[in-house]
Amino acid sequence: MSFSYCRAVVRLVLVSASAWVLTAHGEAAAGVKLFKIVSPRDDIVVGVDVEQLGRGSEPAVQRLAALLADKGQVTLWQYASAKEADGALVQAPLRQIAVFKSELLRIEPYSTPLPIRPFLATAK
């Protein structure tokens, strides 16, 4: 292997690791976990406050499913990509929606390379 090839591989690894750290930092800073909800009608991305999910040893998606099963419906924030005033892309809350357990087919964790804007800052 040539020295330039090894350097390129190291750079690629460092860039990938940096992107992963920024993504994880964006989710942790916002206090919001994103999930993709798949229904017969459409797919949407929703944000759930980590406090609403509660603590537990099971994965967050399992805790959300249990919350939905217990309550029958939950009110969540729908998220979408948006541009900030400075032109930066972020995942931002779009609108509040009600999710009913009877209309769902699947809930999946959703990851994004974009920073996540918390919905608490936009709630009125």
PDB file of N, CA and C in Angstrom:
ATOM      1  N   MET A   1       0.833  -1.179   0.000  1.00  0.00           N
ATOM      2  CA  MET A   1       0.000   0.000   0.000  1.00  0.00           C
ATOM      3  C   MET A   1       0.877   1.241   0.000  1.00  0.00           C
ATOM      4  N   SER A   2       0.430   2.217  -0.734  1.00  0.00           N
ATOM      5  CA  SER A   2       1.191   3.465  -0.776  1.00  0.00           C
ATOM      6  C   SER A   2       0.821   4.346   0.410  1.00  0.00           C
ATOM      7  N   PHE A   3       1.695   5.272   0.699  1.00  0.00           N
ATOM      8  CA  PHE A   3       1.478   6.186   1.821  1.00  0.00           C
ATOM      9  C   PHE A   3       0.241   7.059   1.583  1.00  0.00           C
ATOM     10  N   SER A   4       0.037   7.524   0.347  1.00  0.00           N
ATOM     11  CA  SER A   4      -1.112   8.387   0.049  1.00  0.00           C
ATOM     12  C   SER A   4      -2.425   7.614   0.193  1.00  0.00           C
ATOM     13  N   TYR A   5      -2.430   6.331  -0.138  1.00  0.00           N
ATOM     14  CA  TYR A   5      -3.630   5.507   0.022  1.00  0.00           C
ATOM     15  C   TYR A   5      -3.972   5.368   1.511  1.00  0.00           C
ATOM     16  N   CYS A   6      -2.980   5.089   2.335  1.00  0.00           N
ATOM     17  CA  CYS A   6      -3.204   4.968   3.780  1.00  0.00           C
ATOM     18  C   CYS A   6      -3.712   6.279   4.361  1.00  0.00           C
ATOM     19  N   ARG A   7      -3.139   7.375   3.902  1.00  0.00           N
ATOM     20  CA  ARG A   7      -3.597   8.695   4.359  1.00  0.00           C
ATOM     21  C   ARG A   7      -5.048   8.936   3.991  1.00  0.00           C
ATOM     22  N   ALA A   8      -5.434   8.550   2.797  1.00  0.00           N
ATOM     23  CA  ALA A   8      -6.817   8.734   2.344  1.00  0.00           C
ATOM     24  C   ALA A   8      -7.770   7.895   3.189  1.00  0.00           C
ATOM     25  N   VAL A   9      -7.374   6.682   3.508  1.00  0.00           N
ATOM     26  CA  VAL A   9      -8.218   5.817   4.338  1.00  0.00           C
ATOM     27  C   VAL A   9      -8.361   6.411   5.737  1.00  0.00           C
ATOM     28  N   VAL A  10      -7.285   6.901   6.307  1.00  0.00           N
ATOM     29  CA  VAL A  10      -7.333   7.509   7.639  1.00  0.00           C
ATOM     30  C   VAL A  10      -8.231   8.740   7.621  1.00  0.00           C
ATOM     31  N   ARG A  11      -8.134   9.563   6.594  1.00  0.00           N
ATOM     32  CA  ARG A  11      -9.001  10.739   6.481  1.00  0.00           C
ATOM     33  C   ARG A  11     -10.466  10.336   6.391  1.00  0.00           C
ATOM     34  N   LEU A  12     -10.753   9.312   5.607  1.00  0.00           N
ATOM     35  CA  LEU A  12     -12.132   8.840   5.458  1.00  0.00           C
ATOM     36  C   LEU A  12     -12.682   8.356   6.795  1.00  0.00           C
ATOM     37  N   VAL A  13     -11.883   7.631   7.541  1.00  0.00           N
ATOM     38  CA  VAL A  13     -12.306   7.145   8.853  1.00  0.00           C
ATOM     39  C   VAL A  13     -12.546   8.309   9.806  1.00  0.00           C
ATOM     40  N   LEU A  14     -11.657   9.285   9.804  1.00  0.00           N
ATOM     41  CA  LEU A  14     -11.815  10.450  10.684  1.00  0.00           C
ATOM     42  C   LEU A  14     -13.045  11.269  10.327  1.00  0.00           C
ATOM     43  N   VAL A  15     -13.307  11.464   9.047  1.00  0.00           N
ATOM     44  CA  VAL A  15     -14.489  12.210   8.622  1.00  0.00           C
ATOM     45  C   VAL A  15     -15.758  11.461   9.023  1.00  0.00           C
ATOM     46  N   SER A  16     -15.777  10.152   8.829  1.00  0.00           N
ATOM     47  CA  SER A  16     -16.943   9.348   9.214  1.00  0.00           C
ATOM     48  C   SER A  16     -17.176   9.404  10.717  1.00  0.00           C
ATOM     49  N   ALA A  17     -16.109   9.294  11.487  1.00  0.00           N
ATOM     50  CA  ALA A  17     -16.238   9.358  12.944  1.00  0.00           C
ATOM     51  C   ALA A  17     -16.724  10.731  13.384  1.00  0.00           C
ATOM     52  N   SER A  18     -16.236  11.781  12.747  1.00  0.00           N
ATOM     53  CA  SER A  18     -16.670  13.140  13.087  1.00  0.00           C
ATOM     54  C   SER A  18     -18.152  13.322  12.793  1.00  0.00           C
ATOM     55  N   ALA A  19     -18.608  12.816  11.659  1.00  0.00           N
ATOM     56  CA  ALA A  19     -20.027  12.928  11.318  1.00  0.00           C
ATOM     57  C   ALA A  19     -20.887  12.171  12.328  1.00  0.00           C
ATOM     58  N   TRP A  20     -20.430  11.011  12.753  1.00  0.00           N
ATOM     59  CA  TRP A  20     -21.178  10.230  13.743  1.00  0.00           C
ATOM     60  C   TRP A  20     -21.249  10.972  15.071  1.00  0.00           C
ATOM     61  N   VAL A  21     -20.155  11.558  15.501  1.00  0.00           N
ATOM     62  CA  VAL A  21     -20.131  12.306  16.763  1.00  0.00           C
ATOM     63  C   VAL A  21     -21.057  13.508  16.675  1.00  0.00           C
ATOM     64  N   LEU A  22     -21.048  14.231  15.565  1.00  0.00           N
ATOM     65  CA  LEU A  22     -21.926  15.389  15.414  1.00  0.00           C
ATOM     66  C   LEU A  22     -23.388  14.976  15.432  1.00  0.00           C
ATOM     67  N   THR A  23     -23.730  13.861  14.804  1.00  0.00           N
ATOM     68  CA  THR A  23     -25.106  13.372  14.799  1.00  0.00           C
ATOM     69  C   THR A  23     -25.535  12.987  16.197  1.00  0.00           C
ATOM     70  N   ALA A  24     -24.714  12.235  16.887  1.00  0.00           N
ATOM     71  CA  ALA A  24     -25.067  11.821  18.245  1.00  0.00           C
ATOM     72  C   ALA A  24     -25.169  13.036  19.154  1.00  0.00           C
ATOM     73  N   HIS A  25     -24.290  14.013  18.971  1.00  0.00           N
ATOM     74  CA  HIS A  25     -24.333  15.221  19.780  1.00  0.00           C
ATOM     75  C   HIS A  25     -25.607  16.005  19.508  1.00  0.00           C
ATOM     76  N   GLY A  26     -26.041  16.085  18.255  1.00  0.00           N
ATOM     77  CA  GLY A  26     -27.260  16.807  17.904  1.00  0.00           C
ATOM     78  C   GLY A  26     -28.480  16.190  18.566  1.00  0.00           C
ATOM     79  N   GLU A  27     -28.559  14.869  18.587  1.00  0.00           N
ATOM     80  CA  GLU A  27     -29.695  14.212  19.213  1.00  0.00           C
ATOM     81  C   GLU A  27     -29.664  14.391  20.716  1.00  0.00           C
ATOM     82  N   ALA A  28     -28.499  14.260  21.329  1.00  0.00           N
ATOM     83  CA  ALA A  28     -28.416  14.376  22.778  1.00  0.00           C
ATOM     84  C   ALA A  28     -28.699  15.808  23.225  1.00  0.00           C
ATOM     85  N   ALA A  29     -28.221  16.786  22.477  1.00  0.00           N
ATOM     86  CA  ALA A  29     -28.417  18.172  22.870  1.00  0.00           C
ATOM     87  C   ALA A  29     -29.881  18.558  22.796  1.00  0.00           C
ATOM     88  N   ALA A  30     -30.594  18.027  21.829  1.00  0.00           N
ATOM     89  CA  ALA A  30     -31.986  18.396  21.650  1.00  0.00           C
ATOM     90  C   ALA A  30     -32.894  17.705  22.661  1.00  0.00           C
ATOM     91  N   GLY A  31     -32.480  16.572  23.214  1.00  0.00           N
ATOM     92  CA  GLY A  31     -33.343  15.832  24.126  1.00  0.00           C
ATOM     93  C   GLY A  31     -34.515  15.202  23.413  1.00  0.00           C
ATOM     94  N   VAL A  32     -34.378  15.005  22.112  1.00  0.00           N
ATOM     95  CA  VAL A  32     -35.454  14.469  21.285  1.00  0.00           C
ATOM     96  C   VAL A  32     -34.943  13.243  20.543  1.00  0.00           C
ATOM     97  N   LYS A  33     -35.715  12.181  20.560  1.00  0.00           N
ATOM     98  CA  LYS A  33     -35.418  10.987  19.760  1.00  0.00           C
ATOM     99  C   LYS A  33     -36.350  10.991  18.562  1.00  0.00           C
ATOM    100  N   LEU A  34     -35.825  10.681  17.393  1.00  0.00           N
ATOM    101  CA  LEU A  34     -36.637  10.630  16.183  1.00  0.00           C
ATOM    102  C   LEU A  34     -37.004   9.197  15.839  1.00  0.00           C
ATOM    103  N   PHE A  35     -38.237   9.026  15.351  1.00  0.00           N
ATOM    104  CA  PHE A  35     -38.734   7.725  14.923  1.00  0.00           C
ATOM    105  C   PHE A  35     -39.474   7.893  13.608  1.00  0.00           C
ATOM    106  N   LYS A  36     -39.424   6.845  12.796  1.00  0.00           N
ATOM    107  CA  LYS A  36     -40.202   6.804  11.562  1.00  0.00           C
ATOM    108  C   LYS A  36     -41.421   5.944  11.843  1.00  0.00           C
ATOM    109  N   ILE A  37     -42.602   6.500  11.598  1.00  0.00           N
ATOM    110  CA  ILE A  37     -43.842   5.762  11.798  1.00  0.00           C
ATOM    111  C   ILE A  37     -44.404   5.414  10.430  1.00  0.00           C
ATOM    112  N   VAL A  38     -44.618   4.126  10.215  1.00  0.00           N
ATOM    113  CA  VAL A  38     -45.121   3.628   8.939  1.00  0.00           C
ATOM    114  C   VAL A  38     -46.569   3.198   9.140  1.00  0.00           C
ATOM    115  N   SER A  39     -47.454   3.769   8.337  1.00  0.00           N
ATOM    116  CA  SER A  39     -48.869   3.407   8.381  1.00  0.00           C
ATOM    117  C   SER A  39     -49.292   3.003   6.971  1.00  0.00           C
ATOM    118  N   PRO A  40     -50.502   2.481   6.815  1.00  0.00           N
ATOM    119  CA  PRO A  40     -50.940   2.111   5.454  1.00  0.00           C
ATOM    120  C   PRO A  40     -51.012   3.327   4.522  1.00  0.00           C
ATOM    121  N   ARG A  41     -51.207   4.509   5.104  1.00  0.00           N
ATOM    122  CA  ARG A  41     -51.373   5.709   4.296  1.00  0.00           C
ATOM    123  C   ARG A  41     -50.060   6.384   3.935  1.00  0.00           C
ATOM    124  N   ASP A  42     -49.138   6.506   4.911  1.00  0.00           N
ATOM    125  CA  ASP A  42     -47.887   7.211   4.642  1.00  0.00           C
ATOM    126  C   ASP A  42     -46.834   6.884   5.692  1.00  0.00           C
ATOM    127  N   ASP A  43     -45.650   7.449   5.488  1.00  0.00           N
ATOM    128  CA  ASP A  43     -44.540   7.346   6.445  1.00  0.00           C
ATOM    129  C   ASP A  43     -44.245   8.762   6.938  1.00  0.00           C
ATOM    130  N   ILE A  44     -44.056   8.909   8.244  1.00  0.00           N
ATOM    131  CA  ILE A  44     -43.711  10.213   8.794  1.00  0.00           C
ATOM    132  C   ILE A  44     -42.607  10.052   9.817  1.00  0.00           C
ATOM    133  N   VAL A  45     -41.875  11.133  10.034  1.00  0.00           N
ATOM    134  CA  VAL A  45     -40.841  11.169  11.067  1.00  0.00           C
ATOM    135  C   VAL A  45     -41.404  11.989  12.222  1.00  0.00           C
ATOM    136  N   VAL A  46     -41.311  11.429  13.425  1.00  0.00           N
ATOM    137  CA  VAL A  46     -41.809  12.117  14.611  1.00  0.00           C
ATOM    138  C   VAL A  46     -40.699  12.238  15.638  1.00  0.00           C
ATOM    139  N   GLY A  47     -40.836  13.246  16.483  1.00  0.00           N
ATOM    140  CA  GLY A  47     -39.897  13.443  17.570  1.00  0.00           C
ATOM    141  C   GLY A  47     -40.590  13.202  18.898  1.00  0.00           C
ATOM    142  N   VAL A  48     -39.884  12.509  19.788  1.00  0.00           N
ATOM    143  CA  VAL A  48     -40.408  12.210  21.121  1.00  0.00           C
ATOM    144  C   VAL A  48     -39.389  12.704  22.139  1.00  0.00           C
ATOM    145  N   ASP A  49     -39.875  13.446  23.120  1.00  0.00           N
ATOM    146  CA  ASP A  49     -39.023  13.922  24.201  1.00  0.00           C
ATOM    147  C   ASP A  49     -38.529  12.715  24.997  1.00  0.00           C
ATOM    148  N   VAL A  50     -37.250  12.694  25.333  1.00  0.00           N
ATOM    149  CA  VAL A  50     -36.696  11.549  26.063  1.00  0.00           C
ATOM    150  C   VAL A  50     -37.378  11.373  27.415  1.00  0.00           C
ATOM    151  N   GLU A  51     -37.856  12.466  28.007  1.00  0.00           N
ATOM    152  CA  GLU A  51     -38.584  12.367  29.277  1.00  0.00           C
ATOM    153  C   GLU A  51     -39.923  11.656  29.090  1.00  0.00           C
ATOM    154  N   GLN A  52     -40.576  11.882  27.949  1.00  0.00           N
ATOM    155  CA  GLN A  52     -41.849  11.233  27.656  1.00  0.00           C
ATOM    156  C   GLN A  52     -41.657   9.724  27.482  1.00  0.00           C
ATOM    157  N   LEU A  53     -40.506   9.329  26.947  1.00  0.00           N
ATOM    158  CA  LEU A  53     -40.213   7.909  26.762  1.00  0.00           C
ATOM    159  C   LEU A  53     -39.942   7.210  28.089  1.00  0.00           C
ATOM    160  N   GLY A  54     -39.449   7.969  29.053  1.00  0.00           N
ATOM    161  CA  GLY A  54     -39.121   7.387  30.347  1.00  0.00           C
ATOM    162  C   GLY A  54     -37.787   6.659  30.311  1.00  0.00           C
ATOM    163  N   ARG A  55     -37.402   6.203  31.448  1.00  0.00           N
ATOM    164  CA  ARG A  55     -36.142   5.457  31.585  1.00  0.00           C
ATOM    165  C   ARG A  55     -36.440   3.970  31.472  1.00  0.00           C
ATOM    166  N   GLY A  56     -35.440   3.224  31.100  1.00  0.00           N
ATOM    167  CA  GLY A  56     -35.594   1.786  31.010  1.00  0.00           C
ATOM    168  C   GLY A  56     -34.400   1.159  30.337  1.00  0.00           C
ATOM    169  N   SER A  57     -34.290  -0.132  30.488  1.00  0.00           N
ATOM    170  CA  SER A  57     -33.163  -0.829  29.881  1.00  0.00           C
ATOM    171  C   SER A  57     -33.468  -1.250  28.444  1.00  0.00           C
ATOM    172  N   GLU A  58     -34.744  -1.290  28.075  1.00  0.00           N
ATOM    173  CA  GLU A  58     -35.096  -1.676  26.706  1.00  0.00           C
ATOM    174  C   GLU A  58     -34.849  -0.511  25.745  1.00  0.00           C
ATOM    175  N   PRO A  59     -34.747  -0.803  24.453  1.00  0.00           N
ATOM    176  CA  PRO A  59     -34.496   0.254  23.463  1.00  0.00           C
ATOM    177  C   PRO A  59     -35.630   1.289  23.450  1.00  0.00           C
ATOM    178  N   ALA A  60     -35.314   2.507  23.017  1.00  0.00           N
ATOM    179  CA  ALA A  60     -36.291   3.597  22.989  1.00  0.00           C
ATOM    180  C   ALA A  60     -37.497   3.259  22.120  1.00  0.00           C
ATOM    181  N   VAL A  61     -37.283   2.557  21.023  1.00  0.00           N
ATOM    182  CA  VAL A  61     -38.408   2.203  20.144  1.00  0.00           C
ATOM    183  C   VAL A  61     -39.381   1.267  20.862  1.00  0.00           C
ATOM    184  N   GLN A  62     -38.869   0.402  21.695  1.00  0.00           N
ATOM    185  CA  GLN A  62     -39.730  -0.493  22.473  1.00  0.00           C
ATOM    186  C   GLN A  62     -40.516   0.292  23.523  1.00  0.00           C
ATOM    187  N   ARG A  63     -39.874   1.268  24.139  1.00  0.00           N
ATOM    188  CA  ARG A  63     -40.568   2.095  25.135  1.00  0.00           C
ATOM    189  C   ARG A  63     -41.665   2.923  24.488  1.00  0.00           C
ATOM    190  N   LEU A  64     -41.424   3.435  23.253  1.00  0.00           N
ATOM    191  CA  LEU A  64     -42.453   4.185  22.537  1.00  0.00           C
ATOM    192  C   LEU A  64     -43.621   3.277  22.181  1.00  0.00           C
ATOM    193  N   ALA A  65     -43.334   2.071  21.724  1.00  0.00           N
ATOM    194  CA  ALA A  65     -44.403   1.125  21.390  1.00  0.00           C
ATOM    195  C   ALA A  65     -45.236   0.786  22.633  1.00  0.00           C
ATOM    196  N   ALA A  66     -44.575   0.601  23.772  1.00  0.00           N
ATOM    197  CA  ALA A  66     -45.293   0.303  25.013  1.00  0.00           C
ATOM    198  C   ALA A  66     -46.146   1.494  25.443  1.00  0.00           C
ATOM    199  N   LEU A  67     -45.625   2.709  25.294  1.00  0.00           N
ATOM    200  CA  LEU A  67     -46.375   3.914  25.634  1.00  0.00           C
ATOM    201  C   LEU A  67     -47.628   4.024  24.776  1.00  0.00           C
ATOM    202  N   LEU A  68     -47.487   3.763  23.502  1.00  0.00           N
ATOM    203  CA  LEU A  68     -48.615   3.812  22.578  1.00  0.00           C
ATOM    204  C   LEU A  68     -49.633   2.716  22.884  1.00  0.00           C
ATOM    205  N   ALA A  69     -49.154   1.525  23.210  1.00  0.00           N
ATOM    206  CA  ALA A  69     -50.055   0.427  23.549  1.00  0.00           C
ATOM    207  C   ALA A  69     -50.833   0.716  24.830  1.00  0.00           C
ATOM    208  N   ASP A  70     -50.159   1.339  25.809  1.00  0.00           N
ATOM    209  CA  ASP A  70     -50.821   1.657  27.079  1.00  0.00           C
ATOM    210  C   ASP A  70     -51.876   2.747  26.924  1.00  0.00           C
ATOM    211  N   LYS A  71     -51.533   3.807  26.189  1.00  0.00           N
ATOM    212  CA  LYS A  71     -52.426   4.959  26.084  1.00  0.00           C
ATOM    213  C   LYS A  71     -53.415   4.858  24.926  1.00  0.00           C
ATOM    214  N   GLY A  72     -53.094   4.090  23.895  1.00  0.00           N
ATOM    215  CA  GLY A  72     -53.981   4.000  22.734  1.00  0.00           C
ATOM    216  C   GLY A  72     -53.719   5.085  21.707  1.00  0.00           C
ATOM    217  N   GLN A  73     -53.323   6.263  22.169  1.00  0.00           N
ATOM    218  CA  GLN A  73     -52.932   7.359  21.280  1.00  0.00           C
ATOM    219  C   GLN A  73     -51.975   8.266  22.027  1.00  0.00           C
ATOM    220  N   VAL A  74     -51.082   8.888  21.290  1.00  0.00           N
ATOM    221  CA  VAL A  74     -50.154   9.868  21.860  1.00  0.00           C
ATOM    222  C   VAL A  74     -50.059  11.055  20.912  1.00  0.00           C
ATOM    223  N   THR A  75     -49.783  12.219  21.466  1.00  0.00           N
ATOM    224  CA  THR A  75     -49.564  13.418  20.674  1.00  0.00           C
ATOM    225  C   THR A  75     -48.063  13.624  20.565  1.00  0.00           C
ATOM    226  N   LEU A  76     -47.584  13.704  19.328  1.00  0.00           N
ATOM    227  CA  LEU A  76     -46.157  13.848  19.048  1.00  0.00           C
ATOM    228  C   LEU A  76     -45.946  15.002  18.087  1.00  0.00           C
ATOM    229  N   TRP A  77     -44.691  15.354  17.875  1.00  0.00           N
ATOM    230  CA  TRP A  77     -44.338  16.372  16.894  1.00  0.00           C
ATOM    231  C   TRP A  77     -43.848  15.700  15.627  1.00  0.00           C
ATOM    232  N   GLN A  78     -44.416  16.081  14.490  1.00  0.00           N
ATOM    233  CA  GLN A  78     -43.913  15.615  13.200  1.00  0.00           C
ATOM    234  C   GLN A  78     -42.691  16.451  12.860  1.00  0.00           C
ATOM    235  N   TYR A  79     -41.632  15.804  12.389  1.00  0.00           N
ATOM    236  CA  TYR A  79     -40.372  16.477  12.045  1.00  0.00           C
ATOM    237  C   TYR A  79     -40.133  16.423  10.545  1.00  0.00           C
ATOM    238  N   ALA A  80     -39.447  17.446  10.047  1.00  0.00           N
ATOM    239  CA  ALA A  80     -39.056  17.502   8.641  1.00  0.00           C
ATOM    240  C   ALA A  80     -37.763  18.308   8.525  1.00  0.00           C
ATOM    241  N   SER A  81     -37.067  18.156   7.418  1.00  0.00           N
ATOM    242  CA  SER A  81     -35.866  18.958   7.166  1.00  0.00           C
ATOM    243  C   SER A  81     -36.283  20.396   6.900  1.00  0.00           C
ATOM    244  N   ALA A  82     -35.528  21.334   7.457  1.00  0.00           N
ATOM    245  CA  ALA A  82     -35.812  22.755   7.264  1.00  0.00           C
ATOM    246  C   ALA A  82     -34.503  23.517   7.214  1.00  0.00           C
ATOM    247  N   LYS A  83     -34.553  24.722   6.669  1.00  0.00           N
ATOM    248  CA  LYS A  83     -33.372  25.585   6.618  1.00  0.00           C
ATOM    249  C   LYS A  83     -33.466  26.626   7.721  1.00  0.00           C
ATOM    250  N   GLU A  84     -32.360  26.802   8.430  1.00  0.00           N
ATOM    251  CA  GLU A  84     -32.258  27.857   9.430  1.00  0.00           C
ATOM    252  C   GLU A  84     -32.074  29.193   8.703  1.00  0.00           C
ATOM    253  N   ALA A  85     -32.103  30.283   9.433  1.00  0.00           N
ATOM    254  CA  ALA A  85     -31.920  31.612   8.842  1.00  0.00           C
ATOM    255  C   ALA A  85     -30.547  31.749   8.171  1.00  0.00           C
ATOM    256  N   ASP A  86     -29.545  31.044   8.721  1.00  0.00           N
ATOM    257  CA  ASP A  86     -28.195  31.111   8.139  1.00  0.00           C
ATOM    258  C   ASP A  86     -28.000  30.129   6.986  1.00  0.00           C
ATOM    259  N   GLY A  87     -29.055  29.383   6.629  1.00  0.00           N
ATOM    260  CA  GLY A  87     -28.985  28.457   5.507  1.00  0.00           C
ATOM    261  C   GLY A  87     -28.632  27.029   5.884  1.00  0.00           C
ATOM    262  N   ALA A  88     -28.347  26.776   7.154  1.00  0.00           N
ATOM    263  CA  ALA A  88     -27.993  25.427   7.600  1.00  0.00           C
ATOM    264  C   ALA A  88     -29.234  24.547   7.656  1.00  0.00           C
ATOM    265  N   LEU A  89     -29.085  23.309   7.237  1.00  0.00           N
ATOM    266  CA  LEU A  89     -30.186  22.347   7.301  1.00  0.00           C
ATOM    267  C   LEU A  89     -30.278  21.744   8.694  1.00  0.00           C
ATOM    268  N   VAL A  90     -31.511  21.598   9.191  1.00  0.00           N
ATOM    269  CA  VAL A  90     -31.770  20.973  10.489  1.00  0.00           C
ATOM    270  C   VAL A  90     -33.032  20.120  10.380  1.00  0.00           C
ATOM    271  N   GLN A  91     -33.190  19.199  11.310  1.00  0.00           N
ATOM    272  CA  GLN A  91     -34.458  18.491  11.479  1.00  0.00           C
ATOM    273  C   GLN A  91     -35.260  19.341  12.452  1.00  0.00           C
ATOM    274  N   ALA A  92     -36.419  19.832  12.028  1.00  0.00           N
ATOM    275  CA  ALA A  92     -37.192  20.754  12.844  1.00  0.00           C
ATOM    276  C   ALA A  92     -38.636  20.274  12.981  1.00  0.00           C
ATOM    277  N   PRO A  93     -39.278  20.642  14.097  1.00  0.00           N
ATOM    278  CA  PRO A  93     -40.683  20.270  14.267  1.00  0.00           C
ATOM    279  C   PRO A  93     -41.556  20.991  13.244  1.00  0.00           C
ATOM    280  N   LEU A  94     -42.504  20.270  12.686  1.00  0.00           N
ATOM    281  CA  LEU A  94     -43.386  20.812  11.656  1.00  0.00           C
ATOM    282  C   LEU A  94     -44.766  21.126  12.240  1.00  0.00           C
ATOM    283  N   ARG A  95     -45.354  20.128  12.911  1.00  0.00           N
ATOM    284  CA  ARG A  95     -46.680  20.295  13.517  1.00  0.00           C
ATOM    285  C   ARG A  95     -46.909  19.194  14.531  1.00  0.00           C
ATOM    286  N   GLN A  96     -47.830  19.427  15.453  1.00  0.00           N
ATOM    287  CA  GLN A  96     -48.209  18.374  16.385  1.00  0.00           C
ATOM    288  C   GLN A  96     -49.231  17.470  15.716  1.00  0.00           C
ATOM    289  N   ILE A  97     -49.084  16.167  15.964  1.00  0.00           N
ATOM    290  CA  ILE A  97     -50.012  15.189  15.391  1.00  0.00           C
ATOM    291  C   ILE A  97     -50.414  14.198  16.473  1.00  0.00           C
ATOM    292  N   ALA A  98     -51.564  13.585  16.289  1.00  0.00           N
ATOM    293  CA  ALA A  98     -52.002  12.501  17.165  1.00  0.00           C
ATOM    294  C   ALA A  98     -51.745  11.191  16.440  1.00  0.00           C
ATOM    295  N   VAL A  99     -51.147  10.244  17.141  1.00  0.00           N
ATOM    296  CA  VAL A  99     -50.837   8.933  16.571  1.00  0.00           C
ATOM    297  C   VAL A  99     -51.685   7.900  17.314  1.00  0.00           C
ATOM    298  N   PHE A 100     -52.442   7.122  16.558  1.00  0.00           N
ATOM    299  CA  PHE A 100     -53.310   6.091  17.117  1.00  0.00           C
ATOM    300  C   PHE A 100     -52.681   4.731  16.875  1.00  0.00           C
ATOM    301  N   LYS A 101     -52.727   3.868  17.872  1.00  0.00           N
ATOM    302  CA  LYS A 101     -52.086   2.558  17.716  1.00  0.00           C
ATOM    303  C   LYS A 101     -52.774   1.700  16.665  1.00  0.00           C
ATOM    304  N   SER A 102     -54.061   1.930  16.417  1.00  0.00           N
ATOM    305  CA  SER A 102     -54.792   1.094  15.459  1.00  0.00           C
ATOM    306  C   SER A 102     -54.388   1.356  14.011  1.00  0.00           C
ATOM    307  N   GLU A 103     -53.746   2.498  13.724  1.00  0.00           N
ATOM    308  CA  GLU A 103     -53.396   2.837  12.346  1.00  0.00           C
ATOM    309  C   GLU A 103     -51.951   2.515  11.981  1.00  0.00           C
ATOM    310  N   LEU A 104     -51.183   1.988  12.911  1.00  0.00           N
ATOM    311  CA  LEU A 104     -49.757   1.793  12.674  1.00  0.00           C
ATOM    312  C   LEU A 104     -49.434   0.397  12.168  1.00  0.00           C
ATOM    313  N   LEU A 105     -48.426   0.339  11.329  1.00  0.00           N
ATOM    314  CA  LEU A 105     -47.857  -0.933  10.922  1.00  0.00           C
ATOM    315  C   LEU A 105     -46.505  -1.157  11.579  1.00  0.00           C
ATOM    316  N   ARG A 106     -45.735  -0.048  11.705  1.00  0.00           N
ATOM    317  CA  ARG A 106     -44.366  -0.218  12.193  1.00  0.00           C
ATOM    318  C   ARG A 106     -43.836   1.098  12.753  1.00  0.00           C
ATOM    319  N   ILE A 107     -42.980   0.989  13.773  1.00  0.00           N
ATOM    320  CA  ILE A 107     -42.231   2.123  14.311  1.00  0.00           C
ATOM    321  C   ILE A 107     -40.758   1.748  14.243  1.00  0.00           C
ATOM    322  N   GLU A 108     -39.947   2.641  13.673  1.00  0.00           N
ATOM    323  CA  GLU A 108     -38.516   2.395  13.533  1.00  0.00           C
ATOM    324  C   GLU A 108     -37.727   3.578  14.099  1.00  0.00           C
ATOM    325  N   PRO A 109     -36.553   3.325  14.670  1.00  0.00           N
ATOM    326  CA  PRO A 109     -35.681   4.456  15.020  1.00  0.00           C
ATOM    327  C   PRO A 109     -35.281   5.168  13.730  1.00  0.00           C
ATOM    328  N   TYR A 110     -35.130   6.474  13.795  1.00  0.00           N
ATOM    329  CA  TYR A 110     -34.763   7.267  12.621  1.00  0.00           C
ATOM    330  C   TYR A 110     -33.492   8.037  12.942  1.00  0.00           C
ATOM    331  N   SER A 111     -32.487   7.886  12.112  1.00  0.00           N
ATOM    332  CA  SER A 111     -31.241   8.623  12.331  1.00  0.00           C
ATOM    333  C   SER A 111     -31.060   9.633  11.203  1.00  0.00           C
ATOM    334  N   THR A 112     -30.433  10.728  11.539  1.00  0.00           N
ATOM    335  CA  THR A 112     -30.206  11.792  10.581  1.00  0.00           C
ATOM    336  C   THR A 112     -28.838  12.425  10.834  1.00  0.00           C
ATOM    337  N   PRO A 113     -28.156  12.858   9.786  1.00  0.00           N
ATOM    338  CA  PRO A 113     -26.886  13.566   9.985  1.00  0.00           C
ATOM    339  C   PRO A 113     -27.106  15.037  10.365  1.00  0.00           C
ATOM    340  N   LEU A 114     -28.360  15.501  10.301  1.00  0.00           N
ATOM    341  CA  LEU A 114     -28.663  16.893  10.591  1.00  0.00           C
ATOM    342  C   LEU A 114     -28.862  17.125  12.083  1.00  0.00           C
ATOM    343  N   PRO A 115     -28.546  18.311  12.557  1.00  0.00           N
ATOM    344  CA  PRO A 115     -28.852  18.639  13.953  1.00  0.00           C
ATOM    345  C   PRO A 115     -30.366  18.635  14.149  1.00  0.00           C
ATOM    346  N   ILE A 116     -30.803  18.298  15.355  1.00  0.00           N
ATOM    347  CA  ILE A 116     -32.234  18.214  15.644  1.00  0.00           C
ATOM    348  C   ILE A 116     -32.629  19.400  16.511  1.00  0.00           C
ATOM    349  N   ARG A 117     -33.570  20.174  16.009  1.00  0.00           N
ATOM    350  CA  ARG A 117     -34.074  21.310  16.777  1.00  0.00           C
ATOM    351  C   ARG A 117     -35.146  20.794  17.737  1.00  0.00           C
ATOM    352  N   PRO A 118     -35.057  21.131  19.022  1.00  0.00           N
ATOM    353  CA  PRO A 118     -36.062  20.649  19.975  1.00  0.00           C
ATOM    354  C   PRO A 118     -37.412  21.301  19.749  1.00  0.00           C
ATOM    355  N   PHE A 119     -38.483  20.555  19.964  1.00  0.00           N
ATOM    356  CA  PHE A 119     -39.809  21.105  19.765  1.00  0.00           C
ATOM    357  C   PHE A 119     -40.250  21.993  20.911  1.00  0.00           C
ATOM    358  N   LEU A 120     -39.643  21.858  22.075  1.00  0.00           N
ATOM    359  CA  LEU A 120     -40.022  22.682  23.219  1.00  0.00           C
ATOM    360  C   LEU A 120     -39.765  24.156  22.950  1.00  0.00           C
ATOM    361  N   ALA A 121     -38.742  24.457  22.175  1.00  0.00           N
ATOM    362  CA  ALA A 121     -38.413  25.840  21.870  1.00  0.00           C
ATOM    363  C   ALA A 121     -39.426  26.456  20.920  1.00  0.00           C
ATOM    364  N   THR A 122     -40.141  25.632  20.147  1.00  0.00           N
ATOM    365  CA  THR A 122     -41.079  26.162  19.166  1.00  0.00           C
ATOM    366  C   THR A 122     -42.520  26.036  19.630  1.00  0.00           C
ATOM    367  N   ALA A 123     -42.768  25.329  20.735  1.00  0.00           N
ATOM    368  CA  ALA A 123     -44.141  25.146  21.209  1.00  0.00           C
ATOM    369  C   ALA A 123     -44.680  26.481  21.719  1.00  0.00           C
ATOM    370  N   LYS A 124     -45.947  26.727  21.421  1.00  0.00           N
ATOM    371  CA  LYS A 124     -46.570  27.978  21.842  1.00  0.00           C
ATOM    372  C   LYS A 124     -47.708  27.723  22.770  1.00  0.00           C
TER     373      LYS A 124
END
